[in-house]
N, C-alpha and C. Protein backbone atom coordinates (compact mmCIF):
# COMPACT_ATOMS: atom_id res chain seq x y z
N MET A 1 73.09 -51.58 73.85
CA MET A 1 72.02 -50.69 73.42
C MET A 1 71.27 -51.27 72.22
N VAL A 2 69.97 -51.07 72.23
CA VAL A 2 69.13 -51.48 71.10
C VAL A 2 69.13 -50.39 70.03
N ILE A 3 69.07 -49.13 70.47
CA ILE A 3 69.14 -47.99 69.55
C ILE A 3 70.13 -46.97 70.11
N ARG A 4 70.96 -46.45 69.21
CA ARG A 4 71.89 -45.38 69.57
C ARG A 4 71.74 -44.30 68.51
N ALA A 5 71.31 -43.12 68.91
CA ALA A 5 71.10 -42.01 67.98
C ALA A 5 71.97 -40.83 68.39
N ARG A 6 72.67 -40.24 67.43
CA ARG A 6 73.53 -39.09 67.68
C ARG A 6 73.32 -38.04 66.59
N ALA A 7 72.86 -36.88 67.00
CA ALA A 7 72.70 -35.72 66.10
C ALA A 7 71.93 -36.08 64.83
N VAL A 8 70.87 -36.85 64.99
CA VAL A 8 70.08 -37.30 63.83
C VAL A 8 69.27 -36.15 63.25
N GLU A 9 69.36 -36.01 61.94
CA GLU A 9 68.56 -35.02 61.22
C GLU A 9 67.82 -35.70 60.08
N LYS A 10 66.67 -35.15 59.74
CA LYS A 10 65.93 -35.63 58.58
C LYS A 10 65.32 -34.44 57.87
N ARG A 11 65.60 -34.39 56.57
CA ARG A 11 65.04 -33.35 55.71
C ARG A 11 64.25 -34.00 54.59
N TYR A 12 63.21 -33.32 54.17
CA TYR A 12 62.49 -33.68 52.95
C TYR A 12 62.57 -32.44 52.08
N GLY A 13 63.50 -32.45 51.13
CA GLY A 13 63.75 -31.25 50.33
C GLY A 13 64.30 -30.16 51.22
N ASP A 14 63.66 -28.98 51.19
CA ASP A 14 64.10 -27.86 52.03
C ASP A 14 63.54 -27.92 53.44
N LYS A 15 62.62 -28.83 53.66
CA LYS A 15 61.95 -28.88 54.97
C LYS A 15 62.72 -29.78 55.94
N ARG A 16 63.17 -29.19 57.04
CA ARG A 16 63.86 -29.96 58.07
C ARG A 16 62.82 -30.46 59.06
N VAL A 17 62.72 -31.79 59.21
CA VAL A 17 61.73 -32.39 60.09
C VAL A 17 62.34 -32.69 61.46
N LEU A 18 63.57 -33.19 61.46
CA LEU A 18 64.27 -33.48 62.72
C LEU A 18 65.63 -32.79 62.69
N ARG A 19 66.06 -32.30 63.86
CA ARG A 19 67.37 -31.65 63.95
C ARG A 19 68.05 -32.03 65.26
N GLY A 20 69.25 -32.60 65.15
CA GLY A 20 70.09 -32.85 66.32
C GLY A 20 69.50 -33.77 67.36
N VAL A 21 68.78 -34.80 66.95
CA VAL A 21 68.14 -35.71 67.90
C VAL A 21 69.13 -36.77 68.35
N GLY A 22 69.21 -36.99 69.66
CA GLY A 22 70.09 -38.01 70.20
C GLY A 22 69.47 -38.72 71.40
N PHE A 23 69.68 -40.03 71.47
CA PHE A 23 69.20 -40.82 72.60
C PHE A 23 69.81 -42.22 72.52
N ASP A 24 69.74 -42.92 73.64
CA ASP A 24 70.12 -44.34 73.71
C ASP A 24 68.95 -45.10 74.29
N ILE A 25 68.74 -46.33 73.82
CA ILE A 25 67.70 -47.18 74.39
C ILE A 25 68.30 -48.54 74.69
N ALA A 26 68.20 -48.94 75.95
CA ALA A 26 68.67 -50.25 76.39
C ALA A 26 67.64 -51.31 76.01
N PRO A 27 68.00 -52.60 76.11
CA PRO A 27 67.05 -53.67 75.75
C PRO A 27 65.74 -53.63 76.54
N ASP A 28 65.75 -53.00 77.72
CA ASP A 28 64.50 -52.87 78.49
C ASP A 28 64.11 -51.40 78.66
N GLY A 29 64.63 -50.54 77.75
CA GLY A 29 64.34 -49.11 77.83
C GLY A 29 63.00 -48.75 77.23
N PHE A 30 62.46 -47.63 77.67
CA PHE A 30 61.16 -47.15 77.18
C PHE A 30 61.30 -45.66 76.94
N LEU A 31 61.41 -45.28 75.66
CA LEU A 31 61.54 -43.87 75.29
C LEU A 31 60.16 -43.31 74.96
N LEU A 32 59.77 -42.30 75.70
CA LEU A 32 58.49 -41.61 75.47
C LEU A 32 58.77 -40.37 74.63
N VAL A 33 58.19 -40.32 73.43
CA VAL A 33 58.42 -39.21 72.50
C VAL A 33 57.17 -38.35 72.44
N THR A 34 57.33 -37.06 72.72
CA THR A 34 56.20 -36.13 72.68
C THR A 34 56.54 -34.96 71.76
N GLY A 35 55.52 -34.19 71.44
CA GLY A 35 55.69 -33.01 70.60
C GLY A 35 54.42 -32.73 69.84
N PRO A 36 54.27 -31.50 69.38
CA PRO A 36 53.06 -31.14 68.62
C PRO A 36 53.04 -31.82 67.26
N ASN A 37 51.90 -31.77 66.59
CA ASN A 37 51.81 -32.29 65.22
C ASN A 37 52.86 -31.60 64.36
N GLY A 38 53.51 -32.39 63.51
CA GLY A 38 54.52 -31.83 62.62
C GLY A 38 55.90 -31.71 63.24
N SER A 39 56.07 -32.20 64.48
CA SER A 39 57.37 -32.06 65.15
C SER A 39 58.34 -33.18 64.78
N GLY A 40 57.86 -34.20 64.07
CA GLY A 40 58.77 -35.26 63.62
C GLY A 40 58.65 -36.58 64.35
N LYS A 41 57.61 -36.75 65.16
CA LYS A 41 57.46 -38.00 65.93
C LYS A 41 57.34 -39.21 65.00
N THR A 42 56.46 -39.12 64.03
CA THR A 42 56.26 -40.23 63.09
C THR A 42 57.52 -40.48 62.28
N THR A 43 58.17 -39.41 61.86
CA THR A 43 59.42 -39.55 61.09
C THR A 43 60.47 -40.27 61.91
N LEU A 44 60.59 -39.93 63.18
CA LEU A 44 61.57 -40.59 64.05
C LEU A 44 61.29 -42.10 64.14
N LEU A 45 60.03 -42.48 64.30
CA LEU A 45 59.69 -43.90 64.37
C LEU A 45 59.98 -44.60 63.05
N ARG A 46 59.72 -43.94 61.94
CA ARG A 46 60.03 -44.51 60.63
C ARG A 46 61.53 -44.73 60.46
N LEU A 47 62.33 -43.80 60.96
CA LEU A 47 63.78 -43.95 60.91
C LEU A 47 64.21 -45.16 61.74
N CYS A 48 63.67 -45.28 62.93
CA CYS A 48 64.02 -46.41 63.81
C CYS A 48 63.60 -47.75 63.22
N ALA A 49 62.50 -47.73 62.44
CA ALA A 49 62.01 -48.96 61.82
C ALA A 49 62.76 -49.31 60.54
N GLY A 50 63.63 -48.40 60.08
CA GLY A 50 64.37 -48.65 58.85
C GLY A 50 63.57 -48.33 57.60
N LEU A 51 62.48 -47.59 57.75
CA LEU A 51 61.63 -47.23 56.61
C LEU A 51 62.06 -45.91 55.97
N ALA A 52 62.99 -45.22 56.62
CA ALA A 52 63.56 -43.98 56.09
C ALA A 52 65.01 -43.92 56.59
N ILE A 53 65.81 -43.09 55.94
CA ILE A 53 67.23 -42.97 56.28
C ILE A 53 67.49 -41.54 56.75
N PRO A 54 68.26 -41.37 57.83
CA PRO A 54 68.58 -40.01 58.29
C PRO A 54 69.34 -39.23 57.21
N THR A 55 69.10 -37.93 57.15
CA THR A 55 69.82 -37.05 56.24
C THR A 55 71.22 -36.77 56.79
N ALA A 56 71.34 -36.71 58.12
CA ALA A 56 72.62 -36.48 58.78
C ALA A 56 72.58 -37.14 60.15
N GLY A 57 73.76 -37.27 60.74
CA GLY A 57 73.85 -37.87 62.06
C GLY A 57 74.02 -39.37 61.97
N GLU A 58 73.92 -40.00 63.11
CA GLU A 58 74.16 -41.44 63.22
C GLU A 58 73.00 -42.10 63.95
N LEU A 59 72.43 -43.12 63.33
CA LEU A 59 71.34 -43.89 63.95
C LEU A 59 71.65 -45.36 63.78
N GLU A 60 71.89 -46.02 64.90
CA GLU A 60 72.20 -47.45 64.87
C GLU A 60 71.13 -48.22 65.62
N VAL A 61 70.48 -49.14 64.92
CA VAL A 61 69.52 -50.06 65.52
C VAL A 61 70.18 -51.43 65.45
N THR A 62 70.44 -52.03 66.61
CA THR A 62 71.25 -53.25 66.65
C THR A 62 70.46 -54.52 66.37
N LEU A 63 69.15 -54.42 66.27
CA LEU A 63 68.32 -55.60 66.03
C LEU A 63 68.06 -55.81 64.54
N GLU A 64 67.85 -57.06 64.16
CA GLU A 64 67.39 -57.35 62.81
C GLU A 64 65.97 -56.80 62.66
N ARG A 65 65.61 -56.46 61.45
CA ARG A 65 64.29 -55.88 61.21
C ARG A 65 63.16 -56.83 61.65
N GLY A 66 63.39 -58.13 61.54
CA GLY A 66 62.39 -59.11 61.94
C GLY A 66 62.13 -59.18 63.44
N ARG A 67 62.95 -58.47 64.23
CA ARG A 67 62.78 -58.44 65.69
C ARG A 67 62.12 -57.14 66.14
N ILE A 68 61.66 -56.35 65.16
CA ILE A 68 61.04 -55.06 65.46
C ILE A 68 59.54 -55.13 65.17
N GLY A 69 58.74 -54.65 66.09
CA GLY A 69 57.31 -54.52 65.88
C GLY A 69 56.99 -53.05 65.66
N TYR A 70 56.24 -52.73 64.61
CA TYR A 70 55.97 -51.33 64.26
C TYR A 70 54.47 -51.11 64.12
N LEU A 71 53.96 -50.21 64.93
CA LEU A 71 52.57 -49.79 64.84
C LEU A 71 52.57 -48.37 64.27
N ALA A 72 52.15 -48.25 63.02
CA ALA A 72 52.14 -46.94 62.35
C ALA A 72 50.89 -46.16 62.77
N HIS A 73 50.84 -44.92 62.31
CA HIS A 73 49.68 -44.07 62.57
C HIS A 73 48.44 -44.65 61.89
N GLU A 74 48.64 -45.30 60.75
CA GLU A 74 47.57 -46.03 60.06
C GLU A 74 47.69 -47.51 60.42
N PRO A 75 46.60 -48.26 60.44
CA PRO A 75 46.64 -49.66 60.90
C PRO A 75 47.52 -50.61 60.07
N LEU A 76 47.70 -50.33 58.78
CA LEU A 76 48.52 -51.18 57.90
C LEU A 76 48.08 -52.64 57.92
N VAL A 77 46.78 -52.85 57.77
CA VAL A 77 46.25 -54.21 57.61
C VAL A 77 45.51 -54.26 56.28
N TYR A 78 45.38 -55.48 55.74
CA TYR A 78 44.66 -55.65 54.48
C TYR A 78 43.16 -55.68 54.78
N ARG A 79 42.47 -54.66 54.32
CA ARG A 79 41.06 -54.50 54.70
C ARG A 79 40.14 -55.51 54.03
N GLU A 80 40.57 -56.10 52.92
CA GLU A 80 39.72 -57.10 52.26
C GLU A 80 39.88 -58.49 52.89
N LEU A 81 40.81 -58.62 53.83
CA LEU A 81 41.03 -59.89 54.54
C LEU A 81 40.40 -59.83 55.92
N SER A 82 40.11 -60.99 56.48
CA SER A 82 39.60 -61.05 57.86
C SER A 82 40.77 -60.84 58.82
N ALA A 83 40.45 -60.66 60.09
CA ALA A 83 41.50 -60.53 61.12
C ALA A 83 42.38 -61.76 61.12
N LEU A 84 41.74 -62.92 61.05
CA LEU A 84 42.47 -64.19 61.06
C LEU A 84 43.41 -64.28 59.86
N GLU A 85 42.91 -63.92 58.68
CA GLU A 85 43.73 -63.99 57.47
C GLU A 85 44.88 -62.99 57.52
N ASN A 86 44.62 -61.79 58.03
CA ASN A 86 45.67 -60.78 58.18
C ASN A 86 46.80 -61.30 59.06
N LEU A 87 46.44 -61.80 60.22
CA LEU A 87 47.47 -62.25 61.16
C LEU A 87 48.17 -63.50 60.67
N ASP A 88 47.44 -64.38 59.98
CA ASP A 88 48.07 -65.57 59.43
C ASP A 88 49.12 -65.17 58.38
N LEU A 89 48.79 -64.19 57.55
CA LEU A 89 49.73 -63.70 56.55
C LEU A 89 50.99 -63.16 57.21
N TYR A 90 50.82 -62.29 58.19
CA TYR A 90 51.97 -61.72 58.88
C TYR A 90 52.75 -62.80 59.64
N GLY A 91 52.03 -63.75 60.20
CA GLY A 91 52.69 -64.85 60.90
C GLY A 91 53.58 -65.66 59.98
N ARG A 92 53.12 -65.88 58.76
CA ARG A 92 53.93 -66.59 57.76
C ARG A 92 55.15 -65.77 57.36
N LEU A 93 54.93 -64.46 57.15
CA LEU A 93 56.05 -63.59 56.76
C LEU A 93 57.14 -63.57 57.83
N TYR A 94 56.72 -63.55 59.08
CA TYR A 94 57.69 -63.50 60.19
C TYR A 94 58.09 -64.89 60.69
N ARG A 95 57.57 -65.94 60.01
CA ARG A 95 57.88 -67.33 60.40
C ARG A 95 57.66 -67.56 61.90
N VAL A 96 56.49 -67.16 62.35
CA VAL A 96 56.14 -67.30 63.77
C VAL A 96 55.87 -68.77 64.08
N ALA A 97 56.59 -69.27 65.07
CA ALA A 97 56.37 -70.65 65.51
C ALA A 97 55.00 -70.73 66.19
N GLU A 98 54.30 -71.84 65.98
CA GLU A 98 52.97 -72.04 66.59
C GLU A 98 52.08 -70.81 66.36
N ARG A 99 52.07 -70.34 65.10
CA ARG A 99 51.38 -69.08 64.81
C ARG A 99 49.89 -69.14 65.07
N ARG A 100 49.24 -70.28 64.82
CA ARG A 100 47.79 -70.36 65.04
C ARG A 100 47.44 -70.13 66.52
N GLU A 101 48.22 -70.74 67.40
CA GLU A 101 48.00 -70.56 68.83
C GLU A 101 48.24 -69.11 69.23
N ARG A 102 49.31 -68.54 68.70
CA ARG A 102 49.67 -67.16 69.04
C ARG A 102 48.60 -66.19 68.51
N ILE A 103 48.12 -66.42 67.29
CA ILE A 103 47.07 -65.58 66.70
C ILE A 103 45.81 -65.66 67.56
N GLY A 104 45.42 -66.87 67.92
CA GLY A 104 44.23 -67.05 68.74
C GLY A 104 44.34 -66.35 70.08
N MET A 105 45.52 -66.46 70.70
CA MET A 105 45.75 -65.82 71.99
C MET A 105 45.64 -64.30 71.89
N LEU A 106 46.23 -63.72 70.84
CA LEU A 106 46.18 -62.26 70.68
C LEU A 106 44.77 -61.77 70.35
N LEU A 107 44.08 -62.48 69.46
CA LEU A 107 42.70 -62.08 69.12
C LEU A 107 41.80 -62.16 70.35
N GLU A 108 42.00 -63.18 71.15
CA GLU A 108 41.24 -63.32 72.40
C GLU A 108 41.58 -62.17 73.35
N ARG A 109 42.87 -61.93 73.54
CA ARG A 109 43.32 -60.90 74.49
C ARG A 109 42.81 -59.52 74.11
N PHE A 110 42.77 -59.23 72.80
CA PHE A 110 42.35 -57.89 72.36
C PHE A 110 40.87 -57.82 71.98
N GLY A 111 40.11 -58.83 72.36
CA GLY A 111 38.66 -58.77 72.20
C GLY A 111 38.17 -58.87 70.78
N LEU A 112 38.93 -59.54 69.90
CA LEU A 112 38.54 -59.65 68.49
C LEU A 112 38.17 -61.08 68.09
N TRP A 113 38.18 -61.99 69.03
CA TRP A 113 37.96 -63.40 68.68
C TRP A 113 36.62 -63.61 67.97
N ASP A 114 35.57 -63.01 68.49
CA ASP A 114 34.24 -63.21 67.90
C ASP A 114 34.13 -62.61 66.49
N ALA A 115 34.99 -61.65 66.17
CA ALA A 115 34.95 -61.01 64.85
C ALA A 115 36.12 -61.47 63.98
N ARG A 116 36.73 -62.59 64.33
CA ARG A 116 37.95 -63.02 63.63
C ARG A 116 37.74 -63.36 62.16
N HIS A 117 36.51 -63.76 61.77
CA HIS A 117 36.24 -64.11 60.38
C HIS A 117 35.68 -62.93 59.58
N ASP A 118 35.43 -61.80 60.24
CA ASP A 118 34.89 -60.62 59.55
C ASP A 118 36.01 -59.89 58.82
N ARG A 119 35.65 -59.35 57.64
CA ARG A 119 36.64 -58.58 56.90
C ARG A 119 37.01 -57.32 57.68
N ALA A 120 38.29 -56.97 57.61
CA ALA A 120 38.77 -55.80 58.35
C ALA A 120 38.08 -54.51 57.91
N ASP A 121 37.57 -54.45 56.66
CA ASP A 121 36.90 -53.22 56.22
C ASP A 121 35.54 -53.02 56.90
N SER A 122 35.07 -54.04 57.63
CA SER A 122 33.83 -53.88 58.39
C SER A 122 34.11 -53.44 59.83
N TYR A 123 35.37 -53.36 60.19
CA TYR A 123 35.76 -53.01 61.56
C TYR A 123 35.63 -51.51 61.82
N SER A 124 35.35 -51.17 63.08
CA SER A 124 35.39 -49.78 63.51
C SER A 124 36.86 -49.35 63.60
N ARG A 125 37.09 -48.05 63.78
CA ARG A 125 38.46 -47.54 63.92
C ARG A 125 39.16 -48.20 65.12
N GLY A 126 38.45 -48.36 66.21
CA GLY A 126 39.03 -48.98 67.41
C GLY A 126 39.38 -50.44 67.19
N MET A 127 38.52 -51.17 66.48
CA MET A 127 38.80 -52.58 66.19
C MET A 127 40.01 -52.71 65.27
N LEU A 128 40.12 -51.80 64.28
CA LEU A 128 41.28 -51.81 63.39
C LEU A 128 42.56 -51.56 64.19
N GLN A 129 42.48 -50.65 65.17
CA GLN A 129 43.66 -50.36 65.99
C GLN A 129 44.04 -51.59 66.83
N ARG A 130 43.04 -52.28 67.34
CA ARG A 130 43.32 -53.51 68.09
C ARG A 130 43.98 -54.57 67.20
N LEU A 131 43.47 -54.69 65.97
CA LEU A 131 44.05 -55.65 65.03
C LEU A 131 45.48 -55.27 64.68
N ALA A 132 45.73 -53.97 64.49
CA ALA A 132 47.09 -53.49 64.19
C ALA A 132 48.03 -53.78 65.36
N LEU A 133 47.53 -53.66 66.57
CA LEU A 133 48.33 -54.00 67.75
C LEU A 133 48.66 -55.49 67.77
N CYS A 134 47.67 -56.31 67.46
CA CYS A 134 47.92 -57.77 67.36
C CYS A 134 49.00 -58.05 66.33
N ARG A 135 48.91 -57.37 65.18
CA ARG A 135 49.90 -57.57 64.12
C ARG A 135 51.30 -57.20 64.59
N SER A 136 51.42 -56.08 65.30
CA SER A 136 52.76 -55.63 65.71
C SER A 136 53.34 -56.48 66.84
N LEU A 137 52.48 -57.19 67.57
CA LEU A 137 52.94 -58.04 68.69
C LEU A 137 53.10 -59.51 68.30
N LEU A 138 52.59 -59.88 67.14
CA LEU A 138 52.48 -61.28 66.74
C LEU A 138 53.79 -62.06 66.82
N HIS A 139 54.87 -61.46 66.36
CA HIS A 139 56.16 -62.16 66.31
C HIS A 139 57.01 -61.94 67.57
N ASP A 140 56.36 -61.44 68.65
CA ASP A 140 57.01 -61.25 69.95
C ASP A 140 58.32 -60.47 69.80
N PRO A 141 58.24 -59.23 69.30
CA PRO A 141 59.45 -58.46 68.98
C PRO A 141 60.24 -58.04 70.22
N ASP A 142 61.50 -57.71 70.00
CA ASP A 142 62.38 -57.21 71.06
C ASP A 142 62.36 -55.69 71.14
N LEU A 143 61.84 -55.05 70.09
CA LEU A 143 61.70 -53.59 70.06
C LEU A 143 60.33 -53.28 69.49
N LEU A 144 59.57 -52.47 70.21
CA LEU A 144 58.25 -52.03 69.73
C LEU A 144 58.29 -50.53 69.46
N LEU A 145 57.93 -50.15 68.25
CA LEU A 145 57.83 -48.76 67.85
C LEU A 145 56.35 -48.46 67.67
N LEU A 146 55.81 -47.63 68.56
CA LEU A 146 54.36 -47.41 68.58
C LEU A 146 54.05 -45.93 68.34
N ASP A 147 53.33 -45.66 67.26
CA ASP A 147 52.95 -44.29 66.91
C ASP A 147 51.50 -44.06 67.30
N GLU A 148 51.29 -43.25 68.32
CA GLU A 148 49.94 -42.97 68.84
C GLU A 148 49.15 -44.26 69.06
N PRO A 149 49.64 -45.17 69.90
CA PRO A 149 49.00 -46.48 70.03
C PRO A 149 47.58 -46.44 70.60
N TYR A 150 47.21 -45.37 71.31
CA TYR A 150 45.87 -45.29 71.90
C TYR A 150 44.85 -44.69 70.94
N SER A 151 45.29 -44.28 69.76
CA SER A 151 44.41 -43.64 68.79
C SER A 151 43.24 -44.56 68.41
N GLY A 152 42.03 -44.07 68.60
CA GLY A 152 40.84 -44.82 68.21
C GLY A 152 40.38 -45.85 69.22
N LEU A 153 41.15 -46.10 70.27
CA LEU A 153 40.76 -47.13 71.25
C LEU A 153 39.74 -46.58 72.24
N ASP A 154 38.75 -47.42 72.57
CA ASP A 154 37.82 -47.07 73.63
C ASP A 154 38.49 -47.37 74.97
N ASP A 155 37.78 -47.14 76.07
CA ASP A 155 38.37 -47.33 77.40
C ASP A 155 38.85 -48.76 77.61
N GLU A 156 38.06 -49.72 77.15
CA GLU A 156 38.44 -51.12 77.32
C GLU A 156 39.71 -51.44 76.52
N GLY A 157 39.76 -50.96 75.27
CA GLY A 157 40.93 -51.18 74.43
C GLY A 157 42.17 -50.53 75.01
N ALA A 158 42.01 -49.31 75.54
CA ALA A 158 43.13 -48.60 76.16
C ALA A 158 43.64 -49.35 77.39
N SER A 159 42.73 -49.91 78.17
CA SER A 159 43.12 -50.70 79.35
C SER A 159 43.87 -51.96 78.95
N LEU A 160 43.42 -52.59 77.85
CA LEU A 160 44.12 -53.78 77.35
C LEU A 160 45.54 -53.42 76.93
N LEU A 161 45.69 -52.26 76.27
CA LEU A 161 47.02 -51.83 75.86
C LEU A 161 47.88 -51.50 77.08
N ASP A 162 47.31 -50.85 78.07
CA ASP A 162 48.04 -50.57 79.31
C ASP A 162 48.62 -51.87 79.88
N SER A 163 47.79 -52.89 79.96
CA SER A 163 48.22 -54.18 80.52
C SER A 163 49.34 -54.79 79.69
N GLU A 164 49.21 -54.69 78.37
CA GLU A 164 50.22 -55.25 77.46
C GLU A 164 51.57 -54.55 77.66
N LEU A 165 51.54 -53.22 77.76
CA LEU A 165 52.78 -52.46 77.97
C LEU A 165 53.41 -52.82 79.31
N GLU A 166 52.58 -52.90 80.32
CA GLU A 166 53.08 -53.22 81.65
C GLU A 166 53.74 -54.60 81.68
N GLU A 167 53.12 -55.54 81.00
CA GLU A 167 53.62 -56.91 80.96
C GLU A 167 54.94 -57.01 80.21
N ARG A 168 55.10 -56.20 79.16
CA ARG A 168 56.27 -56.32 78.29
C ARG A 168 57.42 -55.38 78.62
N CYS A 169 57.19 -54.35 79.44
CA CYS A 169 58.21 -53.31 79.54
C CYS A 169 59.51 -53.76 80.20
N SER A 170 59.54 -54.90 80.86
CA SER A 170 60.80 -55.38 81.43
C SER A 170 61.56 -56.29 80.47
N SER A 171 60.92 -56.71 79.39
CA SER A 171 61.56 -57.67 78.48
C SER A 171 61.65 -57.18 77.04
N CYS A 172 61.32 -55.91 76.82
CA CYS A 172 61.24 -55.39 75.46
C CYS A 172 61.62 -53.91 75.50
N ALA A 173 62.24 -53.41 74.42
CA ALA A 173 62.52 -51.98 74.32
C ALA A 173 61.35 -51.31 73.58
N PHE A 174 61.09 -50.06 73.94
CA PHE A 174 59.97 -49.32 73.36
C PHE A 174 60.40 -47.93 72.91
N VAL A 175 59.84 -47.49 71.80
CA VAL A 175 59.82 -46.07 71.43
C VAL A 175 58.36 -45.77 71.15
N VAL A 176 57.76 -44.92 71.97
CA VAL A 176 56.33 -44.63 71.86
C VAL A 176 56.12 -43.13 71.67
N ALA A 177 55.49 -42.77 70.56
CA ALA A 177 55.13 -41.39 70.28
C ALA A 177 53.67 -41.20 70.64
N THR A 178 53.38 -40.16 71.44
CA THR A 178 52.00 -39.96 71.87
C THR A 178 51.71 -38.50 72.18
N HIS A 179 50.43 -38.14 72.03
CA HIS A 179 49.94 -36.83 72.46
C HIS A 179 49.42 -36.90 73.89
N ASP A 180 49.39 -38.10 74.46
CA ASP A 180 48.85 -38.30 75.81
C ASP A 180 49.91 -38.94 76.71
N PRO A 181 50.99 -38.20 77.00
CA PRO A 181 52.10 -38.79 77.75
C PRO A 181 51.72 -39.22 79.17
N GLY A 182 50.73 -38.55 79.76
CA GLY A 182 50.35 -38.88 81.14
C GLY A 182 49.94 -40.33 81.31
N ARG A 183 49.38 -40.90 80.26
CA ARG A 183 48.88 -42.28 80.34
C ARG A 183 50.00 -43.30 80.49
N ILE A 184 51.16 -43.02 79.88
CA ILE A 184 52.23 -44.04 79.88
C ILE A 184 53.53 -43.54 80.51
N GLU A 185 53.50 -42.37 81.13
CA GLU A 185 54.70 -41.81 81.74
C GLU A 185 55.34 -42.76 82.74
N ARG A 186 54.53 -43.54 83.43
CA ARG A 186 55.06 -44.44 84.46
C ARG A 186 55.97 -45.52 83.88
N PHE A 187 55.83 -45.82 82.58
CA PHE A 187 56.67 -46.83 81.95
C PHE A 187 58.00 -46.26 81.46
N ALA A 188 58.05 -44.94 81.25
CA ALA A 188 59.18 -44.32 80.57
C ALA A 188 60.46 -44.40 81.40
N THR A 189 61.54 -44.81 80.74
CA THR A 189 62.87 -44.75 81.35
C THR A 189 63.60 -43.51 80.83
N SER A 190 63.11 -42.94 79.72
CA SER A 190 63.65 -41.68 79.19
C SER A 190 62.57 -40.99 78.35
N LYS A 191 62.77 -39.69 78.16
CA LYS A 191 61.79 -38.91 77.41
C LYS A 191 62.50 -38.05 76.38
N LEU A 192 61.79 -37.83 75.27
CA LEU A 192 62.32 -36.98 74.19
C LEU A 192 61.18 -36.07 73.76
N ALA A 193 61.36 -34.77 73.94
CA ALA A 193 60.35 -33.79 73.52
C ALA A 193 60.83 -33.14 72.24
N LEU A 194 60.07 -33.31 71.16
CA LEU A 194 60.41 -32.70 69.88
C LEU A 194 59.66 -31.40 69.73
N ALA A 195 60.35 -30.38 69.20
CA ALA A 195 59.71 -29.07 69.05
C ALA A 195 59.31 -28.85 67.62
């Protein structure tokens, strides 16, 4: 198992965000997480990424943090840097082999090649989301944690993401939180509905 969760709870002060959450994810598993705003979807992904610690229960992620790709609700890119500079920085941090080739391939695939030298603060919301996707895929992770990955994407961007998920779902584990489960239900090997 890549992730094993048993009776996971998370509180922030008196506010309980998650209660009694449990699931297993195999190396090729795809967990689809749904629920209304405030149900704890983002918190669950943060726990899986190691950015927060459960208040109770047991959460075991068997991969090193460097093997995890995390797409947050916000793009988490440096807006004063270009797309190329952003990805080069992350490539260095993750010690990506042949990073220039990999960066070029991802920018091309996600339709950002022509804007690669433009500062990220000049990007539209959809372009920022594409860049954030490139960042989370750059080091070819074994586990992808995606929080509302279709947010801000136009039809073309959403189709590109569909293709990426389809291509990777047999060789990578996923935890995907979304308000649009119909779009990716076909990939899911398990589902978790948070109330």
